[in-house]
C-alpha atoms as a PDB file:
ATOM      1  CA  MET A   1     -10.624 -11.701  17.514  1.00  0.00           C
ATOM      2  CA  ALA A   2      -8.809 -10.872  14.286  1.00  0.00           C
ATOM      3  CA  GLU A   3      -5.090 -10.189  14.307  1.00  0.00           C
ATOM      4  CA  THR A   4      -4.147  -6.626  13.425  1.00  0.00           C
ATOM      5  CA  THR A   5      -1.307  -4.744  11.793  1.00  0.00           C
ATOM      6  CA  ILE A   6      -0.179  -1.414  13.232  1.00  0.00           C
ATOM      7  CA  LEU A   7       0.171   1.323  10.637  1.00  0.00           C
ATOM      8  CA  TRP A   8       1.351   4.919  10.889  1.00  0.00           C
ATOM      9  CA  ARG A   9       0.225   7.954   8.930  1.00  0.00           C
ATOM     10  CA  PRO A  10       2.007  11.306   8.857  1.00  0.00           C
ATOM     11  CA  THR A  11      -0.529  14.060   8.296  1.00  0.00           C
ATOM     12  CA  GLY A  12      -1.077  17.772   8.297  1.00  0.00           C
ATOM     13  CA  PRO A  13      -3.763  19.766  10.102  1.00  0.00           C
ATOM     14  CA  GLU A  14      -6.415  19.654   7.357  1.00  0.00           C
ATOM     15  CA  GLU A  15      -6.415  15.874   7.040  1.00  0.00           C
ATOM     16  CA  LEU A  16      -6.277  15.477  10.814  1.00  0.00           C
ATOM     17  CA  GLU A  17      -9.351  17.683  11.216  1.00  0.00           C
ATOM     18  CA  LEU A  18     -11.265  15.390   8.844  1.00  0.00           C
ATOM     19  CA  VAL A  19     -10.145  12.348  10.843  1.00  0.00           C
ATOM     20  CA  ARG A  20     -11.325  14.085  14.017  1.00  0.00           C
ATOM     21  CA  ALA A  21     -14.689  14.811  12.364  1.00  0.00           C
ATOM     22  CA  SER A  22     -15.060  11.068  11.646  1.00  0.00           C
ATOM     23  CA  GLY A  23     -14.830  10.338  15.366  1.00  0.00           C
ATOM     24  CA  TRP A  24     -11.227   9.141  14.883  1.00  0.00           C
ATOM     25  CA  LYS A  25     -12.508   6.171  12.865  1.00  0.00           C
ATOM     26  CA  ALA A  26     -11.738   6.884   9.199  1.00  0.00           C
ATOM     27  CA  TRP A  27      -9.420   8.537   6.725  1.00  0.00           C
ATOM     28  CA  PRO A  28     -10.988  11.122   4.397  1.00  0.00           C
ATOM     29  CA  PRO A  29     -11.398  10.503   0.673  1.00  0.00           C
ATOM     30  CA  ARG A  30      -8.366  11.269  -1.428  1.00  0.00           C
ATOM     31  CA  LEU A  31      -8.259  14.417  -3.528  1.00  0.00           C
ATOM     32  CA  PRO A  32      -8.419  13.994  -7.326  1.00  0.00           C
ATOM     33  CA  ASP A  33      -4.619  14.248  -7.611  1.00  0.00           C
ATOM     34  CA  GLN A  34      -4.104  11.605  -4.869  1.00  0.00           C
ATOM     35  CA  PRO A  35      -4.753   8.179  -6.428  1.00  0.00           C
ATOM     36  CA  ILE A  36      -3.124   6.269  -3.548  1.00  0.00           C
ATOM     37  CA  PHE A  37      -3.614   6.331   0.222  1.00  0.00           C
ATOM     38  CA  TYR A  38      -0.319   5.305   1.740  1.00  0.00           C
ATOM     39  CA  PRO A  39       0.037   4.606   5.438  1.00  0.00           C
ATOM     40  CA  VAL A  40       3.570   3.612   6.412  1.00  0.00           C
ATOM     41  CA  LEU A  41       4.840   0.532   8.191  1.00  0.00           C
ATOM     42  CA  ASN A  42       7.124   2.101  10.787  1.00  0.00           C
ATOM     43  CA  GLU A  43       7.006   4.984  13.194  1.00  0.00           C
ATOM     44  CA  GLN A  44      10.425   6.449  12.353  1.00  0.00           C
ATOM     45  CA  TYR A  45       9.514   6.901   8.688  1.00  0.00           C
ATOM     46  CA  ALA A  46       6.227   8.574   9.706  1.00  0.00           C
ATOM     47  CA  ILE A  47       8.125  10.910  12.052  1.00  0.00           C
ATOM     48  CA  MET A  48      10.529  11.884   9.271  1.00  0.00           C
ATOM     49  CA  ILE A  49       7.668  12.782   6.915  1.00  0.00           C
ATOM     50  CA  ALA A  50       5.663  14.692   9.553  1.00  0.00           C
ATOM     51  CA  ARG A  51       8.718  16.652  10.719  1.00  0.00           C
ATOM     52  CA  ASP A  52      10.474  17.248   7.400  1.00  0.00           C
ATOM     53  CA  TRP A  53       7.538  17.615   4.979  1.00  0.00           C
ATOM     54  CA  ASN A  54       4.323  18.444   6.853  1.00  0.00           C
ATOM     55  CA  VAL A  55       5.828  21.136   9.111  1.00  0.00           C
ATOM     56  CA  PRO A  56       7.309  23.202   6.250  1.00  0.00           C
ATOM     57  CA  ALA A  57       4.170  22.697   4.136  1.00  0.00           C
ATOM     58  CA  SER A  58       1.534  23.512   6.764  1.00  0.00           C
ATOM     59  CA  GLY A  59       3.206  24.663   9.983  1.00  0.00           C
ATOM     60  CA  VAL A  60       2.509  21.460  11.905  1.00  0.00           C
ATOM     61  CA  GLY A  61       2.936  17.753  11.327  1.00  0.00           C
ATOM     62  CA  TYR A  62       1.277  14.880  13.139  1.00  0.00           C
ATOM     63  CA  VAL A  63       2.034  11.180  13.322  1.00  0.00           C
ATOM     64  CA  THR A  64      -0.976   8.954  13.773  1.00  0.00           C
ATOM     65  CA  ARG A  65      -1.130   5.284  14.650  1.00  0.00           C
ATOM     66  CA  PHE A  66      -3.948   2.876  13.896  1.00  0.00           C
ATOM     67  CA  GLU A  67      -4.627  -0.819  13.489  1.00  0.00           C
ATOM     68  CA  VAL A  68      -6.111  -2.654  10.539  1.00  0.00           C
ATOM     69  CA  ASP A  69      -7.289  -6.234  10.244  1.00  0.00           C
ATOM     70  CA  ARG A  70      -4.124  -8.073   9.193  1.00  0.00           C
ATOM     71  CA  ALA A  71      -5.784 -10.456   6.714  1.00  0.00           C
ATOM     72  CA  PHE A  72      -7.512  -7.544   4.977  1.00  0.00           C
ATOM     73  CA  ALA A  73      -4.356  -5.376   4.887  1.00  0.00           C
ATOM     74  CA  SER A  74      -2.369  -8.194   3.273  1.00  0.00           C
ATOM     75  CA  ARG A  75      -4.260  -7.637  -0.001  1.00  0.00           C
ATOM     76  CA  TYR A  76      -2.354  -4.374  -0.560  1.00  0.00           C
ATOM     77  CA  PRO A  77       1.235  -4.294  -1.804  1.00  0.00           C
ATOM     78  CA  VAL A  78       4.025  -3.034   0.431  1.00  0.00           C
ATOM     79  CA  ARG A  79       6.203  -0.628  -1.523  1.00  0.00           C
ATOM     80  CA  GLN A  80       9.751   0.334  -0.678  1.00  0.00           C
ATOM     81  CA  ALA A  81       9.937   4.112  -1.150  1.00  0.00           C
ATOM     82  CA  GLY A  82      13.624   4.515  -0.368  1.00  0.00           C
ATOM     83  CA  GLY A  83      15.849   2.726   2.113  1.00  0.00           C
ATOM     84  CA  ARG A  84      15.026  -0.708   3.479  1.00  0.00           C
ATOM     85  CA  ASP A  85      12.895   0.766   6.290  1.00  0.00           C
ATOM     86  CA  ILE A  86      11.028   3.226   4.058  1.00  0.00           C
ATOM     87  CA  LEU A  87       7.952   1.055   3.539  1.00  0.00           C
ATOM     88  CA  GLU A  88       4.430   2.080   2.563  1.00  0.00           C
ATOM     89  CA  LEU A  89       1.178   0.212   2.093  1.00  0.00           C
ATOM     90  CA  TRP A  90      -0.443   1.309  -1.170  1.00  0.00           C
ATOM     91  CA  VAL A  91      -4.236   1.452  -1.036  1.00  0.00           C
ATOM     92  CA  PRO A  92      -6.017   2.666  -4.201  1.00  0.00           C
ATOM     93  CA  ALA A  93      -8.139   5.743  -3.451  1.00  0.00           C
ATOM     94  CA  GLU A  94     -11.295   4.045  -4.691  1.00  0.00           C
ATOM     95  CA  GLU A  95     -10.857   1.327  -2.016  1.00  0.00           C
ATOM     96  CA  LEU A  96     -10.361   3.691   0.932  1.00  0.00           C
ATOM     97  CA  ASP A  97     -13.948   3.348   2.224  1.00  0.00           C
ATOM     98  CA  GLU A  98     -13.524  -0.424   2.453  1.00  0.00           C
ATOM     99  CA  PHE A  99     -10.076   0.011   4.033  1.00  0.00           C
ATOM    100  CA  ASN A 100     -11.630   2.333   6.651  1.00  0.00           C
ATOM    101  CA  ARG A 101     -14.213  -0.338   7.526  1.00  0.00           C
ATOM    102  CA  HIS A 102     -11.327  -2.643   8.485  1.00  0.00           C
ATOM    103  CA  ILE A 103      -9.700  -0.213  10.931  1.00  0.00           C
ATOM    104  CA  VAL A 104      -9.793  -1.774  14.400  1.00  0.00           C
ATOM    105  CA  GLY A 105     -10.245   0.753  17.201  1.00  0.00           C
ATOM    106  CA  LEU A 106      -9.505   4.453  16.821  1.00  0.00           C
ATOM    107  CA  ILE A 107      -6.894   6.481  14.977  1.00  0.00           C
ATOM    108  CA  GLU A 108      -4.545   8.097  17.537  1.00  0.00           C
ATOM    109  CA  VAL A 109      -2.196  11.071  17.359  1.00  0.00           C
ATOM    110  CA  VAL A 110       1.115   9.929  18.820  1.00  0.00           C
ATOM    111  CA  HIS A 111       3.471  12.785  17.836  1.00  0.00           C
ATOM    112  CA  GLU A 112       3.157  16.448  16.946  1.00  0.00           C
ATOM    113  CA  PHE A 113       5.852  18.571  15.310  1.00  0.00           C
ATOM    114  CA  ARG A 114       6.006  22.339  14.904  1.00  0.00           C
ATOM    115  CA  PRO A 115       8.685  24.695  13.569  1.00  0.00           C
ATOM    116  CA  GLY A 116      11.791  24.513  15.720  1.00  0.00           C
ATOM    117  CA  SER A 117      10.887  21.183  17.331  1.00  0.00           C
ATOM    118  CA  SER A 118      13.065  18.340  16.133  1.00  0.00           C
ATOM    119  CA  ARG A 119      11.800  15.746  18.624  1.00  0.00           C
ATOM    120  CA  GLY A 120       8.107  16.506  18.627  1.00  0.00           C
ATOM    121  CA  ARG A 121       5.673  16.090  21.450  1.00  0.00           C
ATOM    122  CA  GLY A 122       4.186  12.746  22.222  1.00  0.00           C
ATOM    123  CA  HIS A 123       0.524  12.162  22.925  1.00  0.00           C
ATOM    124  CA  SER A 124      -0.966   9.533  25.152  1.00  0.00           C
ATOM    125  CA  GLY A 125      -4.051   9.354  22.965  1.00  0.00           C
ATOM    126  CA  ARG A 126      -6.145  11.525  20.727  1.00  0.00           C
ATOM    127  CA  GLU A 127      -5.765  15.275  20.992  1.00  0.00           C
END
């Protein structure tokens, strides 16, 4: 069995609905103005984005967790987007279908944030 890397993805309700429609198995294609798909490497950074950016932008923010084949994921550069723990994996939009084929298991919602909730609600699995 291949070793995996755990990744996190903060997301809003529209993207999450598309993930749900995939059977919790794939990320949707990027929009024309989104050349990079960037899951993050730690949960705290994903929480910060979901809470501080997704909630004001769309009324709710989710943190998802998923696993990717480690050998495959290593082909993509890790970018530091701020402090030492602000790390993202940069996947070109045109390679997202192949990236999705290397997801191991299902994409899970692990936190949900709404206006006025600073801690969020955890989830034991998918919604």
